[in-house]
Amino acid sequence: MPEYREYVASKADGQMPSDIFLNRNAAHAAIVVEFIFRKAERHVRLVTNRLSADVYGTPEVISAADGFLRRHPDATLEILAETNIDRAASPFLAALDGAGFAARVFLRFIPTTTTRAYKFNFAVADGQHYRFEESRTSREAIVQFGAPDFGVRLEGAFADLSIAAADSI
Protein backbone atom coordinates (compact mmCIF):
# COMPACT_ATOMS: atom_id res chain seq x y z
CA MET A 1 0.00 0.00 0.00
CA PRO A 2 2.86 2.50 0.55
CA GLU A 3 3.65 2.33 -3.15
CA TYR A 4 0.09 3.24 -4.10
CA ARG A 5 0.07 6.12 -1.58
CA GLU A 6 3.30 7.44 -3.12
CA TYR A 7 1.82 7.08 -6.60
CA VAL A 8 -1.35 9.03 -5.66
CA ALA A 9 0.74 11.69 -3.90
CA SER A 10 2.83 12.13 -7.05
CA LYS A 11 -0.34 12.66 -9.10
CA ALA A 12 -1.93 15.02 -6.56
CA ASP A 13 1.21 17.10 -6.12
CA GLY A 14 2.57 16.85 -9.65
CA GLN A 15 1.87 18.57 -12.94
CA MET A 16 -1.76 19.60 -13.46
CA PRO A 17 -3.85 18.20 -14.87
CA SER A 18 -2.55 14.85 -13.72
CA ASP A 19 -2.83 11.76 -15.81
CA ILE A 20 -6.10 9.91 -15.41
CA PHE A 21 -5.58 6.71 -13.45
CA LEU A 22 -7.73 3.82 -12.26
CA ASN A 23 -8.81 3.06 -8.73
CA ARG A 24 -10.35 -0.35 -8.07
CA ASN A 25 -10.79 -1.24 -4.40
CA ALA A 26 -11.75 0.23 -1.05
CA ALA A 27 -8.20 0.57 0.28
CA HIS A 28 -7.13 2.45 -2.84
CA ALA A 29 -10.34 4.53 -2.80
CA ALA A 30 -9.55 5.62 0.77
CA ILE A 31 -6.12 6.84 -0.30
CA VAL A 32 -7.56 8.78 -3.24
CA VAL A 33 -10.31 10.35 -1.11
CA GLU A 34 -7.69 11.32 1.48
CA PHE A 35 -5.73 13.19 -1.20
CA ILE A 36 -8.87 14.81 -2.58
CA PHE A 37 -9.45 16.30 0.88
CA ARG A 38 -5.79 17.32 1.10
CA LYS A 39 -6.05 19.20 -2.22
CA ALA A 40 -9.45 20.82 -1.51
CA GLU A 41 -9.71 24.48 -0.57
CA ARG A 42 -13.37 25.52 -0.95
CA HIS A 43 -15.63 22.50 -1.05
CA VAL A 44 -15.80 18.76 -1.40
CA ARG A 45 -18.95 17.21 -2.82
CA LEU A 46 -19.80 13.52 -2.60
CA VAL A 47 -22.48 11.45 -4.32
CA THR A 48 -22.50 8.06 -2.65
CA ASN A 49 -24.58 4.97 -1.95
CA ARG A 50 -23.49 5.30 1.66
CA LEU A 51 -20.40 6.50 3.47
CA SER A 52 -18.77 3.11 3.73
CA ALA A 53 -16.51 2.78 6.75
CA ASP A 54 -13.83 0.97 4.76
CA VAL A 55 -13.30 4.17 2.76
CA TYR A 56 -14.59 7.10 4.83
CA GLY A 57 -13.98 5.56 8.26
CA THR A 58 -10.22 5.24 7.91
CA PRO A 59 -8.13 7.42 10.21
CA GLU A 60 -6.36 8.92 7.19
CA VAL A 61 -9.57 10.03 5.47
CA ILE A 62 -11.05 11.39 8.70
CA SER A 63 -7.83 13.27 9.43
CA ALA A 64 -7.65 14.68 5.89
CA ALA A 65 -11.29 15.85 6.02
CA ASP A 66 -10.72 17.41 9.44
CA GLY A 67 -7.57 19.11 8.15
CA PHE A 68 -9.41 20.46 5.10
CA LEU A 69 -12.12 22.03 7.27
CA ARG A 70 -9.56 23.42 9.74
CA ARG A 71 -7.33 24.95 7.03
CA HIS A 72 -10.19 26.67 5.26
CA PRO A 73 -12.68 28.26 7.69
CA ASP A 74 -15.30 28.86 4.99
CA ALA A 75 -14.96 25.44 3.36
CA THR A 76 -17.87 23.01 3.17
CA LEU A 77 -18.45 19.32 2.71
CA GLU A 78 -21.68 18.37 0.96
CA ILE A 79 -22.87 14.78 0.80
CA LEU A 80 -25.72 13.35 -1.24
CA ALA A 81 -26.44 9.78 -0.14
CA GLU A 82 -28.82 7.17 -1.47
CA THR A 83 -29.42 5.56 1.90
CA ASN A 84 -30.19 7.00 5.29
CA ILE A 85 -27.04 7.66 7.23
CA ASP A 86 -27.13 8.09 10.98
CA ARG A 87 -24.63 10.90 11.61
CA ALA A 88 -23.85 9.63 15.11
CA ALA A 89 -23.22 6.06 13.89
CA SER A 90 -20.98 7.08 10.99
CA PRO A 91 -17.33 7.20 12.14
CA PHE A 92 -16.64 9.86 9.49
CA LEU A 93 -19.55 12.17 10.31
CA ALA A 94 -19.33 11.62 14.07
CA ALA A 95 -15.65 12.64 14.02
CA LEU A 96 -16.30 15.78 11.98
CA ASP A 97 -19.35 16.72 14.03
CA GLY A 98 -17.41 16.07 17.24
CA ALA A 99 -14.64 18.38 16.01
CA GLY A 100 -17.16 21.21 15.70
CA PHE A 101 -17.76 21.09 11.95
CA ALA A 102 -21.42 19.96 11.91
CA ALA A 103 -22.61 23.32 10.57
CA ARG A 104 -20.27 22.98 7.56
CA VAL A 105 -21.00 19.33 6.75
CA PHE A 106 -24.26 18.99 4.86
CA LEU A 107 -25.96 15.62 4.45
CA ARG A 108 -28.95 15.14 2.19
CA PHE A 109 -30.65 12.08 0.79
CA ILE A 110 -31.43 11.33 -2.83
CA PRO A 111 -34.97 10.00 -3.32
CA THR A 112 -35.24 6.47 -4.69
CA THR A 113 -37.11 7.76 -7.73
CA THR A 114 -34.10 9.92 -8.60
CA THR A 115 -31.54 7.13 -8.14
CA ARG A 116 -33.07 5.36 -11.13
CA ALA A 117 -31.98 8.27 -13.34
CA TYR A 118 -28.23 7.94 -12.88
CA LYS A 119 -25.62 5.18 -12.43
CA PHE A 120 -22.58 6.88 -10.89
CA ASN A 121 -20.94 7.92 -7.62
CA PHE A 122 -18.20 10.50 -7.22
CA ALA A 123 -16.13 12.78 -5.04
CA VAL A 124 -15.11 16.15 -6.44
CA ALA A 125 -13.14 18.96 -4.81
CA ASP A 126 -13.24 22.53 -6.03
CA GLY A 127 -14.50 21.40 -9.43
CA GLN A 128 -11.11 19.98 -10.40
CA HIS A 129 -9.96 16.99 -8.31
CA TYR A 130 -12.17 13.94 -8.64
CA ARG A 131 -12.79 10.24 -8.23
CA PHE A 132 -15.59 9.02 -10.51
CA GLU A 133 -17.29 5.61 -10.35
CA GLU A 134 -19.22 5.04 -13.55
CA SER A 135 -21.29 2.35 -11.83
CA ARG A 136 -22.73 2.46 -8.32
CA THR A 137 -22.29 -1.30 -8.08
CA SER A 138 -18.51 -1.28 -8.58
CA ARG A 139 -15.63 0.40 -6.77
CA GLU A 140 -13.78 0.82 -10.06
CA ALA A 141 -13.20 4.49 -10.69
CA ILE A 142 -11.18 6.96 -12.69
CA VAL A 143 -9.21 9.62 -10.83
CA GLN A 144 -7.65 12.88 -11.86
CA PHE A 145 -6.26 15.92 -10.07
CA GLY A 146 -6.39 19.44 -11.47
CA ALA A 147 -8.90 18.67 -14.22
CA PRO A 148 -11.54 21.39 -14.34
CA ASP A 149 -13.15 20.22 -17.59
CA PHE A 150 -14.58 17.02 -16.09
CA GLY A 151 -14.67 18.40 -12.55
CA VAL A 152 -17.09 21.16 -13.57
CA ARG A 153 -19.32 18.54 -15.22
CA LEU A 154 -19.40 16.64 -11.92
CA GLU A 155 -20.28 19.86 -10.09
CA GLY A 156 -23.21 20.25 -12.51
CA ALA A 157 -24.38 16.69 -11.84
CA PHE A 158 -24.15 17.37 -8.12
CA ALA A 159 -26.26 20.51 -8.51
CA ASP A 160 -28.88 18.59 -10.49
CA LEU A 161 -29.06 15.83 -7.88
CA SER A 162 -29.19 18.39 -5.06
CA ILE A 163 -32.47 19.71 -6.40
CA ALA A 164 -34.05 16.31 -5.84
CA ALA A 165 -32.39 15.66 -2.49
CA ALA A 166 -34.22 16.22 0.76
CA ASP A 167 -32.50 17.93 3.66
CA SER A 168 -31.77 15.66 6.58
CA ILE A 169 -31.27 16.21 10.25
C-alpha atoms as a PDB file:
ATOM      1  CA  MET A   1       0.000   0.000   0.000  1.00  0.00           C
ATOM      2  CA  PRO A   2       2.861   2.500   0.554  1.00  0.00           C
ATOM      3  CA  GLU A   3       3.652   2.326  -3.154  1.00  0.00           C
ATOM      4  CA  TYR A   4       0.086   3.241  -4.097  1.00  0.00           C
ATOM      5  CA  ARG A   5       0.065   6.122  -1.581  1.00  0.00           C
ATOM      6  CA  GLU A   6       3.299   7.442  -3.124  1.00  0.00           C
ATOM      7  CA  TYR A   7       1.818   7.081  -6.604  1.00  0.00           C
ATOM      8  CA  VAL A   8      -1.353   9.031  -5.659  1.00  0.00           C
ATOM      9  CA  ALA A   9       0.736  11.692  -3.896  1.00  0.00           C
ATOM     10  CA  SER A  10       2.829  12.131  -7.049  1.00  0.00           C
ATOM     11  CA  LYS A  11      -0.340  12.657  -9.095  1.00  0.00           C
ATOM     12  CA  ALA A  12      -1.934  15.020  -6.560  1.00  0.00           C
ATOM     13  CA  ASP A  13       1.214  17.103  -6.123  1.00  0.00           C
ATOM     14  CA  GLY A  14       2.570  16.855  -9.655  1.00  0.00           C
ATOM     15  CA  GLN A  15       1.865  18.570 -12.943  1.00  0.00           C
ATOM     16  CA  MET A  16      -1.764  19.600 -13.461  1.00  0.00           C
ATOM     17  CA  PRO A  17      -3.853  18.198 -14.866  1.00  0.00           C
ATOM     18  CA  SER A  18      -2.548  14.854 -13.719  1.00  0.00           C
ATOM     19  CA  ASP A  19      -2.825  11.761 -15.814  1.00  0.00           C
ATOM     20  CA  ILE A  20      -6.101   9.907 -15.407  1.00  0.00           C
ATOM     21  CA  PHE A  21      -5.581   6.706 -13.448  1.00  0.00           C
ATOM     22  CA  LEU A  22      -7.734   3.824 -12.265  1.00  0.00           C
ATOM     23  CA  ASN A  23      -8.806   3.060  -8.733  1.00  0.00           C
ATOM     24  CA  ARG A  24     -10.347  -0.347  -8.068  1.00  0.00           C
ATOM     25  CA  ASN A  25     -10.787  -1.236  -4.399  1.00  0.00           C
ATOM     26  CA  ALA A  26     -11.748   0.233  -1.046  1.00  0.00           C
ATOM     27  CA  ALA A  27      -8.202   0.568   0.275  1.00  0.00           C
ATOM     28  CA  HIS A  28      -7.133   2.453  -2.845  1.00  0.00           C
ATOM     29  CA  ALA A  29     -10.336   4.525  -2.796  1.00  0.00           C
ATOM     30  CA  ALA A  30      -9.554   5.618   0.767  1.00  0.00           C
ATOM     31  CA  ILE A  31      -6.116   6.840  -0.302  1.00  0.00           C
ATOM     32  CA  VAL A  32      -7.560   8.784  -3.242  1.00  0.00           C
ATOM     33  CA  VAL A  33     -10.313  10.347  -1.110  1.00  0.00           C
ATOM     34  CA  GLU A  34      -7.690  11.316   1.475  1.00  0.00           C
ATOM     35  CA  PHE A  35      -5.725  13.186  -1.203  1.00  0.00           C
ATOM     36  CA  ILE A  36      -8.871  14.812  -2.578  1.00  0.00           C
ATOM     37  CA  PHE A  37      -9.446  16.300   0.878  1.00  0.00           C
ATOM     38  CA  ARG A  38      -5.794  17.315   1.099  1.00  0.00           C
ATOM     39  CA  LYS A  39      -6.049  19.196  -2.224  1.00  0.00           C
ATOM     40  CA  ALA A  40      -9.447  20.820  -1.514  1.00  0.00           C
ATOM     41  CA  GLU A  41      -9.707  24.479  -0.567  1.00  0.00           C
ATOM     42  CA  ARG A  42     -13.372  25.516  -0.948  1.00  0.00           C
ATOM     43  CA  HIS A  43     -15.629  22.496  -1.054  1.00  0.00           C
ATOM     44  CA  VAL A  44     -15.804  18.758  -1.403  1.00  0.00           C
ATOM     45  CA  ARG A  45     -18.952  17.209  -2.818  1.00  0.00           C
ATOM     46  CA  LEU A  46     -19.802  13.524  -2.599  1.00  0.00           C
ATOM     47  CA  VAL A  47     -22.478  11.451  -4.324  1.00  0.00           C
ATOM     48  CA  THR A  48     -22.505   8.057  -2.648  1.00  0.00           C
ATOM     49  CA  ASN A  49     -24.583   4.975  -1.953  1.00  0.00           C
ATOM     50  CA  ARG A  50     -23.494   5.302   1.658  1.00  0.00           C
ATOM     51  CA  LEU A  51     -20.405   6.505   3.473  1.00  0.00           C
ATOM     52  CA  SER A  52     -18.774   3.111   3.731  1.00  0.00           C
ATOM     53  CA  ALA A  53     -16.512   2.779   6.755  1.00  0.00           C
ATOM     54  CA  ASP A  54     -13.825   0.970   4.757  1.00  0.00           C
ATOM     55  CA  VAL A  55     -13.296   4.174   2.763  1.00  0.00           C
ATOM     56  CA  TYR A  56     -14.594   7.096   4.835  1.00  0.00           C
ATOM     57  CA  GLY A  57     -13.983   5.565   8.258  1.00  0.00           C
ATOM     58  CA  THR A  58     -10.225   5.235   7.908  1.00  0.00           C
ATOM     59  CA  PRO A  59      -8.133   7.423  10.208  1.00  0.00           C
ATOM     60  CA  GLU A  60      -6.355   8.921   7.192  1.00  0.00           C
ATOM     61  CA  VAL A  61      -9.567  10.034   5.471  1.00  0.00           C
ATOM     62  CA  ILE A  62     -11.045  11.385   8.701  1.00  0.00           C
ATOM     63  CA  SER A  63      -7.826  13.270   9.433  1.00  0.00           C
ATOM     64  CA  ALA A  64      -7.646  14.684   5.894  1.00  0.00           C
ATOM     65  CA  ALA A  65     -11.292  15.846   6.020  1.00  0.00           C
ATOM     66  CA  ASP A  66     -10.719  17.407   9.440  1.00  0.00           C
ATOM     67  CA  GLY A  67      -7.573  19.108   8.149  1.00  0.00           C
ATOM     68  CA  PHE A  68      -9.414  20.458   5.104  1.00  0.00           C
ATOM     69  CA  LEU A  69     -12.122  22.032   7.269  1.00  0.00           C
ATOM     70  CA  ARG A  70      -9.557  23.416   9.741  1.00  0.00           C
ATOM     71  CA  ARG A  71      -7.326  24.945   7.031  1.00  0.00           C
ATOM     72  CA  HIS A  72     -10.186  26.666   5.264  1.00  0.00           C
ATOM     73  CA  PRO A  73     -12.682  28.258   7.693  1.00  0.00           C
ATOM     74  CA  ASP A  74     -15.305  28.856   4.991  1.00  0.00           C
ATOM     75  CA  ALA A  75     -14.964  25.441   3.359  1.00  0.00           C
ATOM     76  CA  THR A  76     -17.872  23.010   3.174  1.00  0.00           C
ATOM     77  CA  LEU A  77     -18.453  19.322   2.709  1.00  0.00           C
ATOM     78  CA  GLU A  78     -21.682  18.370   0.958  1.00  0.00           C
ATOM     79  CA  ILE A  79     -22.869  14.781   0.799  1.00  0.00           C
ATOM     80  CA  LEU A  80     -25.721  13.349  -1.241  1.00  0.00           C
ATOM     81  CA  ALA A  81     -26.442   9.776  -0.141  1.00  0.00           C
ATOM     82  CA  GLU A  82     -28.819   7.167  -1.474  1.00  0.00           C
ATOM     83  CA  THR A  83     -29.418   5.555   1.899  1.00  0.00           C
ATOM     84  CA  ASN A  84     -30.194   7.000   5.289  1.00  0.00           C
ATOM     85  CA  ILE A  85     -27.039   7.658   7.230  1.00  0.00           C
ATOM     86  CA  ASP A  86     -27.132   8.093  10.978  1.00  0.00           C
ATOM     87  CA  ARG A  87     -24.627  10.900  11.613  1.00  0.00           C
ATOM     88  CA  ALA A  88     -23.847   9.627  15.113  1.00  0.00           C
ATOM     89  CA  ALA A  89     -23.221   6.058  13.891  1.00  0.00           C
ATOM     90  CA  SER A  90     -20.976   7.076  10.986  1.00  0.00           C
ATOM     91  CA  PRO A  91     -17.330   7.196  12.136  1.00  0.00           C
ATOM     92  CA  PHE A  92     -16.640   9.864   9.494  1.00  0.00           C
ATOM     93  CA  LEU A  93     -19.545  12.173  10.314  1.00  0.00           C
ATOM     94  CA  ALA A  94     -19.331  11.620  14.073  1.00  0.00           C
ATOM     95  CA  ALA A  95     -15.650  12.635  14.023  1.00  0.00           C
ATOM     96  CA  LEU A  96     -16.300  15.783  11.983  1.00  0.00           C
ATOM     97  CA  ASP A  97     -19.353  16.723  14.027  1.00  0.00           C
ATOM     98  CA  GLY A  98     -17.408  16.073  17.236  1.00  0.00           C
ATOM     99  CA  ALA A  99     -14.641  18.376  16.008  1.00  0.00           C
ATOM    100  CA  GLY A 100     -17.160  21.210  15.701  1.00  0.00           C
ATOM    101  CA  PHE A 101     -17.765  21.091  11.953  1.00  0.00           C
ATOM    102  CA  ALA A 102     -21.424  19.956  11.910  1.00  0.00           C
ATOM    103  CA  ALA A 103     -22.606  23.324  10.569  1.00  0.00           C
ATOM    104  CA  ARG A 104     -20.268  22.976   7.558  1.00  0.00           C
ATOM    105  CA  VAL A 105     -21.002  19.332   6.754  1.00  0.00           C
ATOM    106  CA  PHE A 106     -24.264  18.987   4.856  1.00  0.00           C
ATOM    107  CA  LEU A 107     -25.959  15.619   4.454  1.00  0.00           C
ATOM    108  CA  ARG A 108     -28.952  15.141   2.194  1.00  0.00           C
ATOM    109  CA  PHE A 109     -30.646  12.076   0.791  1.00  0.00           C
ATOM    110  CA  ILE A 110     -31.428  11.328  -2.835  1.00  0.00           C
ATOM    111  CA  PRO A 111     -34.969  10.005  -3.324  1.00  0.00           C
ATOM    112  CA  THR A 112     -35.245   6.465  -4.694  1.00  0.00           C
ATOM    113  CA  THR A 113     -37.114   7.758  -7.728  1.00  0.00           C
ATOM    114  CA  THR A 114     -34.104   9.917  -8.604  1.00  0.00           C
ATOM    115  CA  THR A 115     -31.544   7.128  -8.141  1.00  0.00           C
ATOM    116  CA  ARG A 116     -33.072   5.363 -11.134  1.00  0.00           C
ATOM    117  CA  ALA A 117     -31.984   8.269 -13.344  1.00  0.00           C
ATOM    118  CA  TYR A 118     -28.232   7.941 -12.878  1.00  0.00           C
ATOM    119  CA  LYS A 119     -25.624   5.182 -12.430  1.00  0.00           C
ATOM    120  CA  PHE A 120     -22.578   6.877 -10.892  1.00  0.00           C
ATOM    121  CA  ASN A 121     -20.938   7.919  -7.621  1.00  0.00           C
ATOM    122  CA  PHE A 122     -18.198  10.495  -7.220  1.00  0.00           C
ATOM    123  CA  ALA A 123     -16.133  12.779  -5.044  1.00  0.00           C
ATOM    124  CA  VAL A 124     -15.112  16.152  -6.442  1.00  0.00           C
ATOM    125  CA  ALA A 125     -13.143  18.955  -4.811  1.00  0.00           C
ATOM    126  CA  ASP A 126     -13.237  22.530  -6.027  1.00  0.00           C
ATOM    127  CA  GLY A 127     -14.499  21.399  -9.426  1.00  0.00           C
ATOM    128  CA  GLN A 128     -11.113  19.979 -10.401  1.00  0.00           C
ATOM    129  CA  HIS A 129      -9.959  16.989  -8.315  1.00  0.00           C
ATOM    130  CA  TYR A 130     -12.165  13.937  -8.636  1.00  0.00           C
ATOM    131  CA  ARG A 131     -12.786  10.244  -8.230  1.00  0.00           C
ATOM    132  CA  PHE A 132     -15.592   9.016 -10.506  1.00  0.00           C
ATOM    133  CA  GLU A 133     -17.287   5.607 -10.350  1.00  0.00           C
ATOM    134  CA  GLU A 134     -19.219   5.039 -13.552  1.00  0.00           C
ATOM    135  CA  SER A 135     -21.291   2.346 -11.834  1.00  0.00           C
ATOM    136  CA  ARG A 136     -22.728   2.464  -8.320  1.00  0.00           C
ATOM    137  CA  THR A 137     -22.287  -1.299  -8.084  1.00  0.00           C
ATOM    138  CA  SER A 138     -18.509  -1.284  -8.580  1.00  0.00           C
ATOM    139  CA  ARG A 139     -15.631   0.397  -6.767  1.00  0.00           C
ATOM    140  CA  GLU A 140     -13.784   0.815 -10.059  1.00  0.00           C
ATOM    141  CA  ALA A 141     -13.195   4.494 -10.693  1.00  0.00           C
ATOM    142  CA  ILE A 142     -11.177   6.963 -12.689  1.00  0.00           C
ATOM    143  CA  VAL A 143      -9.213   9.619 -10.829  1.00  0.00           C
ATOM    144  CA  GLN A 144      -7.653  12.879 -11.859  1.00  0.00           C
ATOM    145  CA  PHE A 145      -6.261  15.918 -10.065  1.00  0.00           C
ATOM    146  CA  GLY A 146      -6.386  19.438 -11.473  1.00  0.00           C
ATOM    147  CA  ALA A 147      -8.895  18.671 -14.222  1.00  0.00           C
ATOM    148  CA  PRO A 148     -11.544  21.388 -14.339  1.00  0.00           C
ATOM    149  CA  ASP A 149     -13.148  20.218 -17.588  1.00  0.00           C
ATOM    150  CA  PHE A 150     -14.575  17.018 -16.089  1.00  0.00           C
ATOM    151  CA  GLY A 151     -14.675  18.398 -12.547  1.00  0.00           C
ATOM    152  CA  VAL A 152     -17.087  21.158 -13.574  1.00  0.00           C
ATOM    153  CA  ARG A 153     -19.324  18.545 -15.220  1.00  0.00           C
ATOM    154  CA  LEU A 154     -19.400  16.641 -11.920  1.00  0.00           C
ATOM    155  CA  GLU A 155     -20.280  19.855 -10.094  1.00  0.00           C
ATOM    156  CA  GLY A 156     -23.210  20.246 -12.508  1.00  0.00           C
ATOM    157  CA  ALA A 157     -24.377  16.692 -11.843  1.00  0.00           C
ATOM    158  CA  PHE A 158     -24.146  17.372  -8.119  1.00  0.00           C
ATOM    159  CA  ALA A 159     -26.262  20.507  -8.509  1.00  0.00           C
ATOM    160  CA  ASP A 160     -28.884  18.593 -10.486  1.00  0.00           C
ATOM    161  CA  LEU A 161     -29.060  15.830  -7.875  1.00  0.00           C
ATOM    162  CA  SER A 162     -29.189  18.385  -5.063  1.00  0.00           C
ATOM    163  CA  ILE A 163     -32.465  19.709  -6.398  1.00  0.00           C
ATOM    164  CA  ALA A 164     -34.054  16.306  -5.842  1.00  0.00           C
ATOM    165  CA  ALA A 165     -32.389  15.663  -2.487  1.00  0.00           C
ATOM    166  CA  ALA A 166     -34.225  16.221   0.756  1.00  0.00           C
ATOM    167  CA  ASP A 167     -32.497  17.929   3.664  1.00  0.00           C
ATOM    168  CA  SER A 168     -31.766  15.661   6.577  1.00  0.00           C
ATOM    169  CA  ILE A 169     -31.275  16.207  10.247  1.00  0.00           C
END
